[in-house]
Amino acid sequence: MTRNMGVLDRSLRAFVIAPVAIAVAFIVGAGSVVGVVLFVVAGIALATGATGVCPMYTLLGISTRPRGRHRVGHGIRHGHA
């Protein structure tokens, strides 16, 4: 699969969403239904952040990864023709 997540998206999932979900899961009770759901959310956030692929983005045709002209040195012409 092709990566469809940008650096900011991946970083937020791995360093903000997952840790917050884990902390809240422990606060509400790790064995409670809400706690287990939050652990699952954290796991998904960590997995998608690590791989750079979000299956839901693929289904919806979304990508937060810059392509073409948005990346430095790719497709941008400097100078005048």
PDB file of N, CA and C in Angstrom:
ATOM      1  N   MET A   1       0.827  -1.185   0.000  1.00  0.00           N
ATOM      2  CA  MET A   1       0.000   0.000   0.000  1.00  0.00           C
ATOM      3  C   MET A   1       0.870   1.246   0.000  1.00  0.00           C
ATOM      4  N   THR A   2       0.348   2.276  -0.582  1.00  0.00           N
ATOM      5  CA  THR A   2       1.048   3.548  -0.635  1.00  0.00           C
ATOM      6  C   THR A   2       0.701   4.378   0.593  1.00  0.00           C
ATOM      7  N   ARG A   3       1.680   5.040   1.126  1.00  0.00           N
ATOM      8  CA  ARG A   3       1.427   5.896   2.284  1.00  0.00           C
ATOM      9  C   ARG A   3       0.446   6.995   1.903  1.00  0.00           C
ATOM     10  N   ASN A   4      -0.474   7.298   2.813  1.00  0.00           N
ATOM     11  CA  ASN A   4      -1.446   8.349   2.549  1.00  0.00           C
ATOM     12  C   ASN A   4      -1.563   9.325   3.717  1.00  0.00           C
ATOM     13  N   MET A   5      -0.542   9.317   4.576  1.00  0.00           N
ATOM     14  CA  MET A   5      -0.541  10.210   5.735  1.00  0.00           C
ATOM     15  C   MET A   5       0.714  11.062   5.743  1.00  0.00           C
ATOM     16  N   GLY A   6       0.529  12.347   6.001  1.00  0.00           N
ATOM     17  CA  GLY A   6       1.651  13.266   6.091  1.00  0.00           C
ATOM     18  C   GLY A   6       2.321  13.193   7.452  1.00  0.00           C
ATOM     19  N   VAL A   7       3.414  13.898   7.585  1.00  0.00           N
ATOM     20  CA  VAL A   7       4.212  13.879   8.809  1.00  0.00           C
ATOM     21  C   VAL A   7       3.412  14.405  10.000  1.00  0.00           C
ATOM     22  N   LEU A   8       2.688  15.501   9.816  1.00  0.00           N
ATOM     23  CA  LEU A   8       1.907  16.069  10.923  1.00  0.00           C
ATOM     24  C   LEU A   8       0.828  15.092  11.381  1.00  0.00           C
ATOM     25  N   ASP A   9       0.120  14.504  10.435  1.00  0.00           N
ATOM     26  CA  ASP A   9      -0.932  13.536  10.748  1.00  0.00           C
ATOM     27  C   ASP A   9      -0.362  12.353  11.531  1.00  0.00           C
ATOM     28  N   ARG A  10       0.757  11.806  11.056  1.00  0.00           N
ATOM     29  CA  ARG A  10       1.392  10.669  11.726  1.00  0.00           C
ATOM     30  C   ARG A  10       1.867  11.046  13.124  1.00  0.00           C
ATOM     31  N   SER A  11       2.469  12.211  13.251  1.00  0.00           N
ATOM     32  CA  SER A  11       2.983  12.657  14.550  1.00  0.00           C
ATOM     33  C   SER A  11       1.865  12.864  15.558  1.00  0.00           C
ATOM     34  N   LEU A  12       0.767  13.482  15.120  1.00  0.00           N
ATOM     35  CA  LEU A  12      -0.357  13.696  16.036  1.00  0.00           C
ATOM     36  C   LEU A  12      -0.921  12.379  16.541  1.00  0.00           C
ATOM     37  N   ARG A  13      -1.030  11.399  15.649  1.00  0.00           N
ATOM     38  CA  ARG A  13      -1.560  10.100  16.064  1.00  0.00           C
ATOM     39  C   ARG A  13      -0.637   9.415  17.061  1.00  0.00           C
ATOM     40  N   ALA A  14       0.667   9.433  16.778  1.00  0.00           N
ATOM     41  CA  ALA A  14       1.622   8.700  17.608  1.00  0.00           C
ATOM     42  C   ALA A  14       1.972   9.410  18.914  1.00  0.00           C
ATOM     43  N   PHE A  15       2.031  10.743  18.890  1.00  0.00           N
ATOM     44  CA  PHE A  15       2.526  11.468  20.057  1.00  0.00           C
ATOM     45  C   PHE A  15       1.470  12.258  20.822  1.00  0.00           C
ATOM     46  N   VAL A  16       0.245  12.327  20.299  1.00  0.00           N
ATOM     47  CA  VAL A  16      -0.818  13.043  21.009  1.00  0.00           C
ATOM     48  C   VAL A  16      -2.022  12.128  21.247  1.00  0.00           C
ATOM     49  N   ILE A  17      -2.624  11.647  20.183  1.00  0.00           N
ATOM     50  CA  ILE A  17      -3.865  10.870  20.302  1.00  0.00           C
ATOM     51  C   ILE A  17      -3.652   9.582  21.092  1.00  0.00           C
ATOM     52  N   ALA A  18      -2.657   8.797  20.722  1.00  0.00           N
ATOM     53  CA  ALA A  18      -2.433   7.514  21.399  1.00  0.00           C
ATOM     54  C   ALA A  18      -2.108   7.689  22.888  1.00  0.00           C
ATOM     55  N   PRO A  19      -1.162   8.557  23.262  1.00  0.00           N
ATOM     56  CA  PRO A  19      -0.874   8.708  24.700  1.00  0.00           C
ATOM     57  C   PRO A  19      -2.069   9.234  25.503  1.00  0.00           C
ATOM     58  N   VAL A  20      -2.827  10.166  24.918  1.00  0.00           N
ATOM     59  CA  VAL A  20      -3.993  10.696  25.619  1.00  0.00           C
ATOM     60  C   VAL A  20      -5.038   9.597  25.795  1.00  0.00           C
ATOM     61  N   ALA A  21      -5.270   8.801  24.755  1.00  0.00           N
ATOM     62  CA  ALA A  21      -6.239   7.701  24.845  1.00  0.00           C
ATOM     63  C   ALA A  21      -5.820   6.694  25.903  1.00  0.00           C
ATOM     64  N   ILE A  22      -4.538   6.383  25.974  1.00  0.00           N
ATOM     65  CA  ILE A  22      -4.041   5.439  26.979  1.00  0.00           C
ATOM     66  C   ILE A  22      -4.213   6.009  28.384  1.00  0.00           C
ATOM     67  N   ALA A  23      -3.867   7.278  28.570  1.00  0.00           N
ATOM     68  CA  ALA A  23      -4.004   7.908  29.887  1.00  0.00           C
ATOM     69  C   ALA A  23      -5.463   7.933  30.333  1.00  0.00           C
ATOM     70  N   VAL A  24      -6.350   8.313  29.439  1.00  0.00           N
ATOM     71  CA  VAL A  24      -7.773   8.364  29.784  1.00  0.00           C
ATOM     72  C   VAL A  24      -8.299   6.960  30.065  1.00  0.00           C
ATOM     73  N   ALA A  25      -7.811   5.964  29.334  1.00  0.00           N
ATOM     74  CA  ALA A  25      -8.234   4.577  29.564  1.00  0.00           C
ATOM     75  C   ALA A  25      -7.889   4.143  30.991  1.00  0.00           C
ATOM     76  N   PHE A  26      -6.707   4.508  31.463  1.00  0.00           N
ATOM     77  CA  PHE A  26      -6.332   4.158  32.830  1.00  0.00           C
ATOM     78  C   PHE A  26      -7.166   4.933  33.855  1.00  0.00           C
ATOM     79  N   ILE A  27      -7.504   6.175  33.521  1.00  0.00           N
ATOM     80  CA  ILE A  27      -8.294   6.996  34.447  1.00  0.00           C
ATOM     81  C   ILE A  27      -9.711   6.430  34.604  1.00  0.00           C
ATOM     82  N   VAL A  28     -10.328   6.046  33.479  1.00  0.00           N
ATOM     83  CA  VAL A  28     -11.714   5.547  33.548  1.00  0.00           C
ATOM     84  C   VAL A  28     -11.776   4.079  33.960  1.00  0.00           C
ATOM     85  N   GLY A  29     -10.644   3.426  33.918  1.00  0.00           N
ATOM     86  CA  GLY A  29     -10.594   2.011  34.292  1.00  0.00           C
ATOM     87  C   GLY A  29     -10.212   1.168  33.090  1.00  0.00           C
ATOM     88  N   ALA A  30      -9.043   0.570  33.162  1.00  0.00           N
ATOM     89  CA  ALA A  30      -8.508  -0.185  32.026  1.00  0.00           C
ATOM     90  C   ALA A  30      -9.389  -1.363  31.632  1.00  0.00           C
ATOM     91  N   GLY A  31     -10.124  -1.929  32.594  1.00  0.00           N
ATOM     92  CA  GLY A  31     -10.956  -3.090  32.306  1.00  0.00           C
ATOM     93  C   GLY A  31     -12.384  -2.749  31.915  1.00  0.00           C
ATOM     94  N   SER A  32     -12.723  -1.459  31.977  1.00  0.00           N
ATOM     95  CA  SER A  32     -14.087  -1.059  31.614  1.00  0.00           C
ATOM     96  C   SER A  32     -14.235  -1.058  30.090  1.00  0.00           C
ATOM     97  N   VAL A  33     -15.469  -1.018  29.643  1.00  0.00           N
ATOM     98  CA  VAL A  33     -15.726  -1.007  28.199  1.00  0.00           C
ATOM     99  C   VAL A  33     -15.089   0.228  27.559  1.00  0.00           C
ATOM    100  N   VAL A  34     -15.252   1.377  28.199  1.00  0.00           N
ATOM    101  CA  VAL A  34     -14.662   2.613  27.672  1.00  0.00           C
ATOM    102  C   VAL A  34     -13.141   2.510  27.647  1.00  0.00           C
ATOM    103  N   GLY A  35     -12.560   1.947  28.692  1.00  0.00           N
ATOM    104  CA  GLY A  35     -11.111   1.778  28.747  1.00  0.00           C
ATOM    105  C   GLY A  35     -10.596   0.892  27.634  1.00  0.00           C
ATOM    106  N   VAL A  36     -11.269  -0.218  27.394  1.00  0.00           N
ATOM    107  CA  VAL A  36     -10.855  -1.130  26.324  1.00  0.00           C
ATOM    108  C   VAL A  36     -10.983  -0.461  24.963  1.00  0.00           C
ATOM    109  N   VAL A  37     -12.070   0.264  24.752  1.00  0.00           N
ATOM    110  CA  VAL A  37     -12.256   0.978  23.478  1.00  0.00           C
ATOM    111  C   VAL A  37     -11.131   1.995  23.293  1.00  0.00           C
ATOM    112  N   LEU A  38     -10.767   2.701  24.339  1.00  0.00           N
ATOM    113  CA  LEU A  38      -9.677   3.679  24.241  1.00  0.00           C
ATOM    114  C   LEU A  38      -8.337   3.006  23.948  1.00  0.00           C
ATOM    115  N   PHE A  39      -8.092   1.827  24.518  1.00  0.00           N
ATOM    116  CA  PHE A  39      -6.867   1.093  24.191  1.00  0.00           C
ATOM    117  C   PHE A  39      -6.857   0.685  22.718  1.00  0.00           C
ATOM    118  N   VAL A  40      -7.998   0.297  22.200  1.00  0.00           N
ATOM    119  CA  VAL A  40      -8.091  -0.061  20.780  1.00  0.00           C
ATOM    120  C   VAL A  40      -7.827   1.169  19.912  1.00  0.00           C
ATOM    121  N   VAL A  41      -8.413   2.290  20.280  1.00  0.00           N
ATOM    122  CA  VAL A  41      -8.177   3.543  19.546  1.00  0.00           C
ATOM    123  C   VAL A  41      -6.691   3.889  19.565  1.00  0.00           C
ATOM    124  N   ALA A  42      -6.062   3.757  20.718  1.00  0.00           N
ATOM    125  CA  ALA A  42      -4.625   4.043  20.840  1.00  0.00           C
ATOM    126  C   ALA A  42      -3.814   3.104  19.957  1.00  0.00           C
ATOM    127  N   GLY A  43      -4.176   1.834  19.948  1.00  0.00           N
ATOM    128  CA  GLY A  43      -3.461   0.862  19.111  1.00  0.00           C
ATOM    129  C   GLY A  43      -3.586   1.182  17.631  1.00  0.00           C
ATOM    130  N   ILE A  44      -4.772   1.545  17.212  1.00  0.00           N
ATOM    131  CA  ILE A  44      -4.977   1.908  15.808  1.00  0.00           C
ATOM    132  C   ILE A  44      -4.192   3.166  15.465  1.00  0.00           C
ATOM    133  N   ALA A  45      -4.227   4.155  16.367  1.00  0.00           N
ATOM    134  CA  ALA A  45      -3.487   5.396  16.133  1.00  0.00           C
ATOM    135  C   ALA A  45      -1.987   5.126  16.024  1.00  0.00           C
ATOM    136  N   LEU A  46      -1.467   4.267  16.903  1.00  0.00           N
ATOM    137  CA  LEU A  46      -0.035   3.940  16.848  1.00  0.00           C
ATOM    138  C   LEU A  46       0.317   3.169  15.578  1.00  0.00           C
ATOM    139  N   ALA A  47      -0.523   2.217  15.198  1.00  0.00           N
ATOM    140  CA  ALA A  47      -0.240   1.413  14.007  1.00  0.00           C
ATOM    141  C   ALA A  47      -0.282   2.256  12.737  1.00  0.00           C
ATOM    142  N   THR A  48      -1.298   3.096  12.606  1.00  0.00           N
ATOM    143  CA  THR A  48      -1.396   3.916  11.399  1.00  0.00           C
ATOM    144  C   THR A  48      -0.317   4.990  11.387  1.00  0.00           C
ATOM    145  N   GLY A  49       0.017   5.522  12.559  1.00  0.00           N
ATOM    146  CA  GLY A  49       1.097   6.509  12.628  1.00  0.00           C
ATOM    147  C   GLY A  49       2.444   5.911  12.274  1.00  0.00           C
ATOM    148  N   ALA A  50       2.677   4.671  12.683  1.00  0.00           N
ATOM    149  CA  ALA A  50       3.956   4.009  12.401  1.00  0.00           C
ATOM    150  C   ALA A  50       4.090   3.615  10.927  1.00  0.00           C
ATOM    151  N   THR A  51       2.995   3.181  10.337  1.00  0.00           N
ATOM    152  CA  THR A  51       3.062   2.712   8.942  1.00  0.00           C
ATOM    153  C   THR A  51       2.844   3.819   7.925  1.00  0.00           C
ATOM    154  N   GLY A  52       2.147   4.878   8.322  1.00  0.00           N
ATOM    155  CA  GLY A  52       1.846   5.953   7.380  1.00  0.00           C
ATOM    156  C   GLY A  52       0.684   5.634   6.461  1.00  0.00           C
ATOM    157  N   VAL A  53      -0.055   4.573   6.781  1.00  0.00           N
ATOM    158  CA  VAL A  53      -1.191   4.164   5.970  1.00  0.00           C
ATOM    159  C   VAL A  53      -2.435   4.113   6.846  1.00  0.00           C
ATOM    160  N   CYS A  54      -3.470   4.822   6.435  1.00  0.00           N
ATOM    161  CA  CYS A  54      -4.752   4.778   7.126  1.00  0.00           C
ATOM    162  C   CYS A  54      -5.766   4.120   6.192  1.00  0.00           C
ATOM    163  N   PRO A  55      -6.237   2.921   6.537  1.00  0.00           N
ATOM    164  CA  PRO A  55      -7.206   2.237   5.670  1.00  0.00           C
ATOM    165  C   PRO A  55      -8.468   3.056   5.414  1.00  0.00           C
ATOM    166  N   MET A  56      -8.914   3.818   6.396  1.00  0.00           N
ATOM    167  CA  MET A  56     -10.107   4.641   6.198  1.00  0.00           C
ATOM    168  C   MET A  56      -9.843   5.737   5.174  1.00  0.00           C
ATOM    169  N   TYR A  57      -8.649   6.323   5.210  1.00  0.00           N
ATOM    170  CA  TYR A  57      -8.294   7.323   4.204  1.00  0.00           C
ATOM    171  C   TYR A  57      -8.324   6.694   2.810  1.00  0.00           C
ATOM    172  N   THR A  58      -7.830   5.457   2.697  1.00  0.00           N
ATOM    173  CA  THR A  58      -7.823   4.761   1.415  1.00  0.00           C
ATOM    174  C   THR A  58      -9.243   4.578   0.907  1.00  0.00           C
ATOM    175  N   LEU A  59     -10.145   4.139   1.769  1.00  0.00           N
ATOM    176  CA  LEU A  59     -11.543   3.942   1.368  1.00  0.00           C
ATOM    177  C   LEU A  59     -12.208   5.246   0.939  1.00  0.00           C
ATOM    178  N   LEU A  60     -11.866   6.335   1.614  1.00  0.00           N
ATOM    179  CA  LEU A  60     -12.484   7.622   1.324  1.00  0.00           C
ATOM    180  C   LEU A  60     -11.732   8.438   0.272  1.00  0.00           C
ATOM    181  N   GLY A  61     -10.572   7.945  -0.168  1.00  0.00           N
ATOM    182  CA  GLY A  61      -9.781   8.658  -1.168  1.00  0.00           C
ATOM    183  C   GLY A  61      -9.100   9.904  -0.621  1.00  0.00           C
ATOM    184  N   ILE A  62      -8.765   9.881   0.655  1.00  0.00           N
ATOM    185  CA  ILE A  62      -8.129  11.028   1.316  1.00  0.00           C
ATOM    186  C   ILE A  62      -6.636  10.779   1.445  1.00  0.00           C
ATOM    187  N   SER A  63      -5.850  11.839   1.344  1.00  0.00           N
ATOM    188  CA  SER A  63      -4.428  11.750   1.614  1.00  0.00           C
ATOM    189  C   SER A  63      -3.967  13.052   2.250  1.00  0.00           C
ATOM    190  N   THR A  64      -3.223  12.959   3.337  1.00  0.00           N
ATOM    191  CA  THR A  64      -2.644  14.146   3.963  1.00  0.00           C
ATOM    192  C   THR A  64      -1.158  14.243   3.647  1.00  0.00           C
ATOM    193  N   ARG A  65      -0.698  13.349   2.800  1.00  0.00           N
ATOM    194  CA  ARG A  65       0.710  13.343   2.409  1.00  0.00           C
ATOM    195  C   ARG A  65       0.892  14.247   1.197  1.00  0.00           C
ATOM    196  N   PRO A  66       1.801  15.220   1.308  1.00  0.00           N
ATOM    197  CA  PRO A  66       2.035  16.111   0.168  1.00  0.00           C
ATOM    198  C   PRO A  66       2.606  15.364  -1.027  1.00  0.00           C
ATOM    199  N   ARG A  67       2.205  15.772  -2.207  1.00  0.00           N
ATOM    200  CA  ARG A  67       2.692  15.148  -3.436  1.00  0.00           C
ATOM    201  C   ARG A  67       3.112  16.227  -4.424  1.00  0.00           C
ATOM    202  N   GLY A  68       3.920  15.840  -5.372  1.00  0.00           N
ATOM    203  CA  GLY A  68       4.268  16.724  -6.485  1.00  0.00           C
ATOM    204  C   GLY A  68       4.894  18.026  -6.050  1.00  0.00           C
ATOM    205  N   ARG A  69       4.269  19.108  -6.441  1.00  0.00           N
ATOM    206  CA  ARG A  69       4.814  20.432  -6.204  1.00  0.00           C
ATOM    207  C   ARG A  69       4.905  20.806  -4.732  1.00  0.00           C
ATOM    208  N   HIS A  70       4.174  20.117  -3.878  1.00  0.00           N
ATOM    209  CA  HIS A  70       4.168  20.462  -2.466  1.00  0.00           C
ATOM    210  C   HIS A  70       5.434  20.021  -1.747  1.00  0.00           C
ATOM    211  N   ARG A  71       6.192  19.121  -2.343  1.00  0.00           N
ATOM    212  CA  ARG A  71       7.413  18.630  -1.709  1.00  0.00           C
ATOM    213  C   ARG A  71       8.608  19.356  -2.298  1.00  0.00           C
ATOM    214  N   VAL A  72       9.525  19.710  -1.462  1.00  0.00           N
ATOM    215  CA  VAL A  72      10.693  20.461  -1.890  1.00  0.00           C
ATOM    216  C   VAL A  72      11.473  19.656  -2.931  1.00  0.00           C
ATOM    217  N   GLY A  73      11.773  20.311  -4.038  1.00  0.00           N
ATOM    218  CA  GLY A  73      12.579  19.680  -5.079  1.00  0.00           C
ATOM    219  C   GLY A  73      11.827  18.746  -6.005  1.00  0.00           C
ATOM    220  N   HIS A  74      10.528  18.696  -5.895  1.00  0.00           N
ATOM    221  CA  HIS A  74       9.750  17.807  -6.741  1.00  0.00           C
ATOM    222  C   HIS A  74       8.778  18.608  -7.590  1.00  0.00           C
ATOM    223  N   GLY A  75       9.114  18.805  -8.832  1.00  0.00           N
ATOM    224  CA  GLY A  75       8.186  19.421  -9.764  1.00  0.00           C
ATOM    225  C   GLY A  75       8.170  20.943  -9.748  1.00  0.00           C
ATOM    226  N   ILE A  76       8.976  21.561  -8.934  1.00  0.00           N
ATOM    227  CA  ILE A  76       8.993  23.020  -8.891  1.00  0.00           C
ATOM    228  C   ILE A  76      10.155  23.500  -9.744  1.00  0.00           C
ATOM    229  N   ARG A  77       9.849  24.389 -10.655  1.00  0.00           N
ATOM    230  CA  ARG A  77      10.905  24.953 -11.511  1.00  0.00           C
ATOM    231  C   ARG A  77      11.275  26.321 -11.002  1.00  0.00           C
ATOM    232  N   HIS A  78      12.528  26.487 -10.770  1.00  0.00           N
ATOM    233  CA  HIS A  78      13.025  27.792 -10.320  1.00  0.00           C
ATOM    234  C   HIS A  78      13.643  28.487 -11.523  1.00  0.00           C
ATOM    235  N   GLY A  79      13.400  29.753 -11.616  1.00  0.00           N
ATOM    236  CA  GLY A  79      13.925  30.487 -12.756  1.00  0.00           C
ATOM    237  C   GLY A  79      12.793  30.796 -13.733  1.00  0.00           C
ATOM    238  N   HIS A  80      13.142  31.489 -14.764  1.00  0.00           N
ATOM    239  CA  HIS A  80      12.132  31.927 -15.723  1.00  0.00           C
ATOM    240  C   HIS A  80      12.378  31.255 -17.067  1.00  0.00           C
ATOM    241  N   ALA A  81      11.297  30.911 -17.742  1.00  0.00           N
ATOM    242  CA  ALA A  81      11.421  30.226 -19.018  1.00  0.00           C
ATOM    243  C   ALA A  81      11.442  31.179 -20.171  1.00  0.00           C
TER     244      ALA A  81
END
